[in-house]
Amino acid sequence: MPDHELQDMSQGEVAYHRLHEAIRTGQFRPGDRLREVDVASKLSLSRTPVREALRKLESDGIVEHRARLGAVIRTLSTPEVVELYEMRLVLERTAAEMAAKHASTAEIDVMEDLNAQIEAAGHDSLRAAALNQDFHRCIYLATRNRFLVDSARALNNALMLLGPTTLDDEVRIKTVSSQHAQIIAAIRAGDQKAAGEAADAHLQTSLRHRLKVMR
């Protein structure tokens, strides 16, 4: 979020967005204990707005309160991960199909540029993961459907609880970028069926890799 937007927020809202972003980018990970003093120090904030941010993150289902530990970032069980990917599959397939119908040439060019950056990320898994999120967000925005975009945004909180990215080596990154290229090609061709099928295959591969990492 741009700094000028943060300037218009209360300290609690700023703390929430900074902590939310820190979790999204992997600075804090599932299972980590979030002690007010540590979070305040790391994000250069005072403890009162951090306390407010933690309460909001708890209401979002991102943070849970554990006896004798306090605030801890939630972790997902294997069944929850499968359920999450099932929901992602529905949304991503629909988004790809609708993007094939509505996406502009400029938006598709952005998808290609983001995918090229993902492929070039090499061993920088955190950069690859951030670019990957931007890529999928671009597809959602290209659907021209605010309700689908809102559904995807709601799902993002759960996605943050998956833990470290699976884009952890060059072979995996090349697989992802290759599958992205198939989605992009179908969207550019306006082939809704092919775009949906390519998105479906991509998510199935991602789920298999995620479950392999969890074992």
C-alpha atoms as a PDB file:
ATOM      1  CA  MET A   1       0.000   0.000   0.000  1.00  0.00           C
ATOM      2  CA  PRO A   2       1.418   3.442  -0.948  1.00  0.00           C
ATOM      3  CA  ASP A   3       2.753   5.629   1.871  1.00  0.00           C
ATOM      4  CA  HIS A   4       0.325   8.455   1.055  1.00  0.00           C
ATOM      5  CA  GLU A   5      -2.603   6.104   1.764  1.00  0.00           C
ATOM      6  CA  LEU A   6      -1.089   5.053   5.098  1.00  0.00           C
ATOM      7  CA  GLN A   7      -0.819   8.725   6.107  1.00  0.00           C
ATOM      8  CA  ASP A   8      -4.620   9.003   6.152  1.00  0.00           C
ATOM      9  CA  MET A   9      -5.044   6.040   8.514  1.00  0.00           C
ATOM     10  CA  SER A  10      -5.077   5.752  12.294  1.00  0.00           C
ATOM     11  CA  GLN A  11      -2.017   4.258  13.992  1.00  0.00           C
ATOM     12  CA  GLY A  12      -3.965   1.038  14.588  1.00  0.00           C
ATOM     13  CA  GLU A  13      -4.839   0.767  10.898  1.00  0.00           C
ATOM     14  CA  VAL A  14      -1.231   1.450   9.898  1.00  0.00           C
ATOM     15  CA  ALA A  15      -0.039  -1.236  12.296  1.00  0.00           C
ATOM     16  CA  TYR A  16      -2.585  -3.676  10.891  1.00  0.00           C
ATOM     17  CA  HIS A  17      -1.521  -3.109   7.275  1.00  0.00           C
ATOM     18  CA  ARG A  18       2.191  -3.263   8.086  1.00  0.00           C
ATOM     19  CA  LEU A  19       1.829  -6.462  10.102  1.00  0.00           C
ATOM     20  CA  HIS A  20      -0.486  -7.967   7.480  1.00  0.00           C
ATOM     21  CA  GLU A  21       2.142  -7.224   4.807  1.00  0.00           C
ATOM     22  CA  ALA A  22       4.933  -8.629   6.990  1.00  0.00           C
ATOM     23  CA  ILE A  23       3.017 -11.915   7.297  1.00  0.00           C
ATOM     24  CA  ARG A  24       2.160 -11.946   3.577  1.00  0.00           C
ATOM     25  CA  THR A  25       5.813 -11.513   2.587  1.00  0.00           C
ATOM     26  CA  GLY A  26       7.115 -14.136   5.016  1.00  0.00           C
ATOM     27  CA  GLN A  27       8.768 -11.871   7.606  1.00  0.00           C
ATOM     28  CA  PHE A  28       6.495 -13.606  10.111  1.00  0.00           C
ATOM     29  CA  ARG A  29       5.398 -17.178   9.370  1.00  0.00           C
ATOM     30  CA  PRO A  30       2.686 -19.611  10.466  1.00  0.00           C
ATOM     31  CA  GLY A  31       3.432 -20.846  13.971  1.00  0.00           C
ATOM     32  CA  ASP A  32       5.421 -17.733  14.912  1.00  0.00           C
ATOM     33  CA  ARG A  33       4.633 -16.117  18.237  1.00  0.00           C
ATOM     34  CA  LEU A  34       3.786 -12.410  17.875  1.00  0.00           C
ATOM     35  CA  ARG A  35       4.937 -10.690  21.049  1.00  0.00           C
ATOM     36  CA  GLU A  36       3.787  -7.079  21.113  1.00  0.00           C
ATOM     37  CA  VAL A  37       7.208  -5.722  22.037  1.00  0.00           C
ATOM     38  CA  ASP A  38       8.973  -7.682  19.269  1.00  0.00           C
ATOM     39  CA  VAL A  39       6.454  -6.728  16.582  1.00  0.00           C
ATOM     40  CA  ALA A  40       6.507  -3.070  17.669  1.00  0.00           C
ATOM     41  CA  SER A  41      10.302  -3.018  17.486  1.00  0.00           C
ATOM     42  CA  LYS A  42      10.491  -4.731  14.105  1.00  0.00           C
ATOM     43  CA  LEU A  43       7.852  -2.513  12.500  1.00  0.00           C
ATOM     44  CA  SER A  44       8.927   0.703  14.300  1.00  0.00           C
ATOM     45  CA  LEU A  45       5.557   1.150  15.982  1.00  0.00           C
ATOM     46  CA  SER A  46       4.337   1.612  19.533  1.00  0.00           C
ATOM     47  CA  ARG A  47       2.731  -1.276  21.395  1.00  0.00           C
ATOM     48  CA  THR A  48      -0.811   0.135  21.610  1.00  0.00           C
ATOM     49  CA  PRO A  49      -1.515   0.135  17.825  1.00  0.00           C
ATOM     50  CA  VAL A  50       0.227  -3.257  17.546  1.00  0.00           C
ATOM     51  CA  ARG A  51      -2.171  -4.624  20.168  1.00  0.00           C
ATOM     52  CA  GLU A  52      -5.084  -3.257  18.116  1.00  0.00           C
ATOM     53  CA  ALA A  53      -3.666  -4.808  14.941  1.00  0.00           C
ATOM     54  CA  LEU A  54      -3.308  -8.209  16.606  1.00  0.00           C
ATOM     55  CA  ARG A  55      -6.952  -8.138  17.693  1.00  0.00           C
ATOM     56  CA  LYS A  56      -8.028  -7.386  14.119  1.00  0.00           C
ATOM     57  CA  LEU A  57      -5.820 -10.146  12.715  1.00  0.00           C
ATOM     58  CA  GLU A  58      -7.389 -12.522  15.235  1.00  0.00           C
ATOM     59  CA  SER A  59     -10.869 -11.566  13.991  1.00  0.00           C
ATOM     60  CA  ASP A  60      -9.595 -12.186  10.422  1.00  0.00           C
ATOM     61  CA  GLY A  61      -8.612 -15.747  11.389  1.00  0.00           C
ATOM     62  CA  ILE A  62      -4.913 -15.094  10.730  1.00  0.00           C
ATOM     63  CA  VAL A  63      -3.830 -14.985  14.365  1.00  0.00           C
ATOM     64  CA  GLU A  64      -5.033 -17.099  17.279  1.00  0.00           C
ATOM     65  CA  HIS A  65      -4.559 -16.708  21.027  1.00  0.00           C
ATOM     66  CA  ARG A  66      -2.887 -19.635  22.779  1.00  0.00           C
ATOM     67  CA  ALA A  67      -2.620 -20.162  26.521  1.00  0.00           C
ATOM     68  CA  ARG A  68       0.818 -19.197  27.910  1.00  0.00           C
ATOM     69  CA  LEU A  69       1.973 -18.083  24.434  1.00  0.00           C
ATOM     70  CA  GLY A  70      -0.335 -15.250  23.480  1.00  0.00           C
ATOM     71  CA  ALA A  71      -0.812 -14.301  19.832  1.00  0.00           C
ATOM     72  CA  VAL A  72       0.420 -16.895  17.339  1.00  0.00           C
ATOM     73  CA  ILE A  73       0.031 -16.996  13.557  1.00  0.00           C
ATOM     74  CA  ARG A  74      -2.307 -19.879  12.700  1.00  0.00           C
ATOM     75  CA  THR A  75      -1.121 -22.981  10.907  1.00  0.00           C
ATOM     76  CA  LEU A  76      -3.306 -25.053   8.592  1.00  0.00           C
ATOM     77  CA  SER A  77      -3.812 -28.799   8.880  1.00  0.00           C
ATOM     78  CA  THR A  78      -3.525 -31.018   5.795  1.00  0.00           C
ATOM     79  CA  PRO A  79      -7.343 -31.272   5.398  1.00  0.00           C
ATOM     80  CA  GLU A  80      -7.589 -27.470   5.625  1.00  0.00           C
ATOM     81  CA  VAL A  81      -4.918 -27.081   2.945  1.00  0.00           C
ATOM     82  CA  VAL A  82      -6.823 -29.429   0.633  1.00  0.00           C
ATOM     83  CA  GLU A  83     -10.054 -27.509   1.273  1.00  0.00           C
ATOM     84  CA  LEU A  84      -8.285 -24.229   0.569  1.00  0.00           C
ATOM     85  CA  TYR A  85      -6.915 -25.465  -2.739  1.00  0.00           C
ATOM     86  CA  GLU A  86     -10.333 -26.808  -3.708  1.00  0.00           C
ATOM     87  CA  MET A  87     -11.703 -23.298  -3.228  1.00  0.00           C
ATOM     88  CA  ARG A  88      -8.758 -21.766  -5.083  1.00  0.00           C
ATOM     89  CA  LEU A  89      -9.348 -24.146  -7.971  1.00  0.00           C
ATOM     90  CA  VAL A  90     -12.948 -22.979  -8.343  1.00  0.00           C
ATOM     91  CA  LEU A  91     -12.010 -19.303  -8.207  1.00  0.00           C
ATOM     92  CA  GLU A  92      -8.869 -19.522 -10.358  1.00  0.00           C
ATOM     93  CA  ARG A  93     -10.584 -21.548 -13.069  1.00  0.00           C
ATOM     94  CA  THR A  94     -13.477 -19.089 -13.189  1.00  0.00           C
ATOM     95  CA  ALA A  95     -11.084 -16.122 -13.175  1.00  0.00           C
ATOM     96  CA  ALA A  96      -9.063 -17.511 -16.089  1.00  0.00           C
ATOM     97  CA  GLU A  97     -12.225 -18.159 -18.089  1.00  0.00           C
ATOM     98  CA  MET A  98     -13.557 -14.665 -17.463  1.00  0.00           C
ATOM     99  CA  ALA A  99     -10.175 -13.056 -18.145  1.00  0.00           C
ATOM    100  CA  ALA A 100     -10.136 -14.814 -21.529  1.00  0.00           C
ATOM    101  CA  LYS A 101     -13.377 -13.000 -22.253  1.00  0.00           C
ATOM    102  CA  HIS A 102     -12.574  -9.549 -20.839  1.00  0.00           C
ATOM    103  CA  ALA A 103      -8.802  -9.003 -20.533  1.00  0.00           C
ATOM    104  CA  SER A 104      -7.275  -6.154 -22.502  1.00  0.00           C
ATOM    105  CA  THR A 105      -4.077  -6.544 -24.509  1.00  0.00           C
ATOM    106  CA  ALA A 106      -2.270  -4.335 -21.978  1.00  0.00           C
ATOM    107  CA  GLU A 107      -3.344  -6.543 -19.070  1.00  0.00           C
ATOM    108  CA  ILE A 108      -2.188  -9.666 -20.883  1.00  0.00           C
ATOM    109  CA  ASP A 109       1.147  -7.989 -21.603  1.00  0.00           C
ATOM    110  CA  VAL A 110       1.506  -7.315 -17.857  1.00  0.00           C
ATOM    111  CA  MET A 111       0.807 -10.999 -17.145  1.00  0.00           C
ATOM    112  CA  GLU A 112       3.564 -11.989 -19.566  1.00  0.00           C
ATOM    113  CA  ASP A 113       6.000  -9.510 -18.011  1.00  0.00           C
ATOM    114  CA  LEU A 114       5.268 -10.756 -14.494  1.00  0.00           C
ATOM    115  CA  ASN A 115       5.686 -14.354 -15.599  1.00  0.00           C
ATOM    116  CA  ALA A 116       9.038 -13.540 -17.218  1.00  0.00           C
ATOM    117  CA  GLN A 117      10.167 -11.975 -13.946  1.00  0.00           C
ATOM    118  CA  ILE A 118       9.062 -15.092 -12.043  1.00  0.00           C
ATOM    119  CA  GLU A 119      11.111 -17.291 -14.369  1.00  0.00           C
ATOM    120  CA  ALA A 120      14.132 -15.009 -13.942  1.00  0.00           C
ATOM    121  CA  ALA A 121      13.883 -15.006 -10.138  1.00  0.00           C
ATOM    122  CA  GLY A 122      16.138 -18.058  -9.873  1.00  0.00           C
ATOM    123  CA  HIS A 123      16.890 -18.909  -6.243  1.00  0.00           C
ATOM    124  CA  ASP A 124      15.148 -15.819  -4.866  1.00  0.00           C
ATOM    125  CA  SER A 125      12.051 -17.677  -3.677  1.00  0.00           C
ATOM    126  CA  LEU A 126      10.565 -14.725  -1.770  1.00  0.00           C
ATOM    127  CA  ARG A 127      10.718 -12.517  -4.872  1.00  0.00           C
ATOM    128  CA  ALA A 128       9.242 -15.304  -7.002  1.00  0.00           C
ATOM    129  CA  ALA A 129       6.405 -15.754  -4.495  1.00  0.00           C
ATOM    130  CA  ALA A 130       5.587 -12.016  -4.436  1.00  0.00           C
ATOM    131  CA  LEU A 131       5.587 -11.875  -8.250  1.00  0.00           C
ATOM    132  CA  ASN A 132       3.402 -14.972  -8.354  1.00  0.00           C
ATOM    133  CA  GLN A 133       0.814 -13.260  -6.147  1.00  0.00           C
ATOM    134  CA  ASP A 134       0.897 -10.224  -8.446  1.00  0.00           C
ATOM    135  CA  PHE A 135       0.404 -12.491 -11.470  1.00  0.00           C
ATOM    136  CA  HIS A 136      -2.711 -14.150 -10.084  1.00  0.00           C
ATOM    137  CA  ARG A 137      -4.068 -10.798  -8.867  1.00  0.00           C
ATOM    138  CA  CYS A 138      -3.682  -9.491 -12.413  1.00  0.00           C
ATOM    139  CA  ILE A 139      -5.849 -12.318 -13.742  1.00  0.00           C
ATOM    140  CA  TYR A 140      -8.552 -11.592 -11.154  1.00  0.00           C
ATOM    141  CA  LEU A 141      -8.592  -7.895 -12.003  1.00  0.00           C
ATOM    142  CA  ALA A 142      -8.901  -8.728 -15.699  1.00  0.00           C
ATOM    143  CA  THR A 143     -12.199 -10.534 -15.054  1.00  0.00           C
ATOM    144  CA  ARG A 144     -14.033  -7.204 -14.668  1.00  0.00           C
ATOM    145  CA  ASN A 145     -16.054  -8.831 -11.876  1.00  0.00           C
ATOM    146  CA  ARG A 146     -15.897  -7.088  -8.509  1.00  0.00           C
ATOM    147  CA  PHE A 147     -17.558  -9.977  -6.684  1.00  0.00           C
ATOM    148  CA  LEU A 148     -14.964 -12.454  -7.921  1.00  0.00           C
ATOM    149  CA  VAL A 149     -12.189 -10.045  -6.962  1.00  0.00           C
ATOM    150  CA  ASP A 150     -13.698  -9.665  -3.473  1.00  0.00           C
ATOM    151  CA  SER A 151     -13.897 -13.454  -3.100  1.00  0.00           C
ATOM    152  CA  ALA A 152     -10.242 -13.768  -4.065  1.00  0.00           C
ATOM    153  CA  ARG A 153      -9.276 -11.047  -1.593  1.00  0.00           C
ATOM    154  CA  ALA A 154     -11.065 -12.892   1.211  1.00  0.00           C
ATOM    155  CA  LEU A 155      -9.178 -16.062   0.303  1.00  0.00           C
ATOM    156  CA  ASN A 156      -5.822 -14.300   0.547  1.00  0.00           C
ATOM    157  CA  ASN A 157      -5.889 -14.356   4.347  1.00  0.00           C
ATOM    158  CA  ALA A 158      -6.006 -18.148   4.281  1.00  0.00           C
ATOM    159  CA  LEU A 159      -3.289 -18.288   1.616  1.00  0.00           C
ATOM    160  CA  MET A 160      -0.923 -16.473   3.974  1.00  0.00           C
ATOM    161  CA  LEU A 161      -1.266 -19.385   6.399  1.00  0.00           C
ATOM    162  CA  LEU A 162       0.198 -21.896   3.962  1.00  0.00           C
ATOM    163  CA  GLY A 163       3.701 -21.123   5.185  1.00  0.00           C
ATOM    164  CA  PRO A 164       6.896 -20.850   3.125  1.00  0.00           C
ATOM    165  CA  THR A 165       6.461 -20.643  -0.624  1.00  0.00           C
ATOM    166  CA  THR A 166       6.777 -23.801  -2.719  1.00  0.00           C
ATOM    167  CA  LEU A 167       8.700 -21.751  -5.302  1.00  0.00           C
ATOM    168  CA  ASP A 168      11.864 -22.948  -3.621  1.00  0.00           C
ATOM    169  CA  ASP A 169      14.049 -24.028  -6.539  1.00  0.00           C
ATOM    170  CA  GLU A 170      14.627 -23.229 -10.209  1.00  0.00           C
ATOM    171  CA  VAL A 171      12.970 -26.427 -11.462  1.00  0.00           C
ATOM    172  CA  ARG A 172       9.771 -25.624  -9.570  1.00  0.00           C
ATOM    173  CA  ILE A 173       9.838 -22.016 -10.797  1.00  0.00           C
ATOM    174  CA  LYS A 174      10.237 -23.166 -14.412  1.00  0.00           C
ATOM    175  CA  THR A 175       7.259 -25.517 -14.014  1.00  0.00           C
ATOM    176  CA  VAL A 176       5.118 -22.692 -12.654  1.00  0.00           C
ATOM    177  CA  SER A 177       6.171 -20.197 -15.334  1.00  0.00           C
ATOM    178  CA  SER A 178       5.499 -22.785 -18.050  1.00  0.00           C
ATOM    179  CA  GLN A 179       1.986 -23.401 -16.720  1.00  0.00           C
ATOM    180  CA  HIS A 180       1.420 -19.657 -16.422  1.00  0.00           C
ATOM    181  CA  ALA A 181       2.431 -19.303 -20.079  1.00  0.00           C
ATOM    182  CA  GLN A 182      -0.280 -21.786 -21.062  1.00  0.00           C
ATOM    183  CA  ILE A 183      -2.878 -19.786 -19.115  1.00  0.00           C
ATOM    184  CA  ILE A 184      -1.711 -16.538 -20.720  1.00  0.00           C
ATOM    185  CA  ALA A 185      -1.783 -18.014 -24.231  1.00  0.00           C
ATOM    186  CA  ALA A 186      -5.364 -19.188 -23.764  1.00  0.00           C
ATOM    187  CA  ILE A 187      -6.423 -15.810 -22.355  1.00  0.00           C
ATOM    188  CA  ARG A 188      -4.768 -13.976 -25.258  1.00  0.00           C
ATOM    189  CA  ALA A 189      -6.543 -16.287 -27.712  1.00  0.00           C
ATOM    190  CA  GLY A 190      -9.866 -15.616 -25.975  1.00  0.00           C
ATOM    191  CA  ASP A 191     -10.294 -19.349 -25.440  1.00  0.00           C
ATOM    192  CA  GLN A 192     -12.272 -19.551 -22.219  1.00  0.00           C
ATOM    193  CA  LYS A 193     -12.362 -23.355 -22.077  1.00  0.00           C
ATOM    194  CA  ALA A 194      -8.599 -23.701 -22.558  1.00  0.00           C
ATOM    195  CA  ALA A 195      -7.875 -20.942 -20.035  1.00  0.00           C
ATOM    196  CA  GLY A 196     -10.003 -22.658 -17.396  1.00  0.00           C
ATOM    197  CA  GLU A 197      -8.411 -26.034 -18.056  1.00  0.00           C
ATOM    198  CA  ALA A 198      -4.898 -24.552 -17.889  1.00  0.00           C
ATOM    199  CA  ALA A 199      -5.706 -22.866 -14.565  1.00  0.00           C
ATOM    200  CA  ASP A 200      -7.165 -26.126 -13.247  1.00  0.00           C
ATOM    201  CA  ALA A 201      -4.018 -28.066 -14.191  1.00  0.00           C
ATOM    202  CA  HIS A 202      -1.833 -25.404 -12.604  1.00  0.00           C
ATOM    203  CA  LEU A 203      -3.669 -25.547  -9.271  1.00  0.00           C
ATOM    204  CA  GLN A 204      -3.665 -29.354  -9.237  1.00  0.00           C
ATOM    205  CA  THR A 205       0.112 -29.319  -9.695  1.00  0.00           C
ATOM    206  CA  SER A 206       0.489 -26.701  -6.946  1.00  0.00           C
ATOM    207  CA  LEU A 207      -1.582 -28.779  -4.511  1.00  0.00           C
ATOM    208  CA  ARG A 208       0.457 -31.917  -5.189  1.00  0.00           C
ATOM    209  CA  HIS A 209       3.693 -30.011  -4.582  1.00  0.00           C
ATOM    210  CA  ARG A 210       2.333 -28.362  -1.422  1.00  0.00           C
ATOM    211  CA  LEU A 211       1.278 -31.729   0.061  1.00  0.00           C
ATOM    212  CA  LYS A 212       4.673 -33.196  -0.827  1.00  0.00           C
ATOM    213  CA  VAL A 213       6.414 -30.358   1.040  1.00  0.00           C
ATOM    214  CA  MET A 214       4.155 -30.873   4.076  1.00  0.00           C
ATOM    215  CA  ARG A 215       4.994 -34.556   4.406  1.00  0.00           C
END
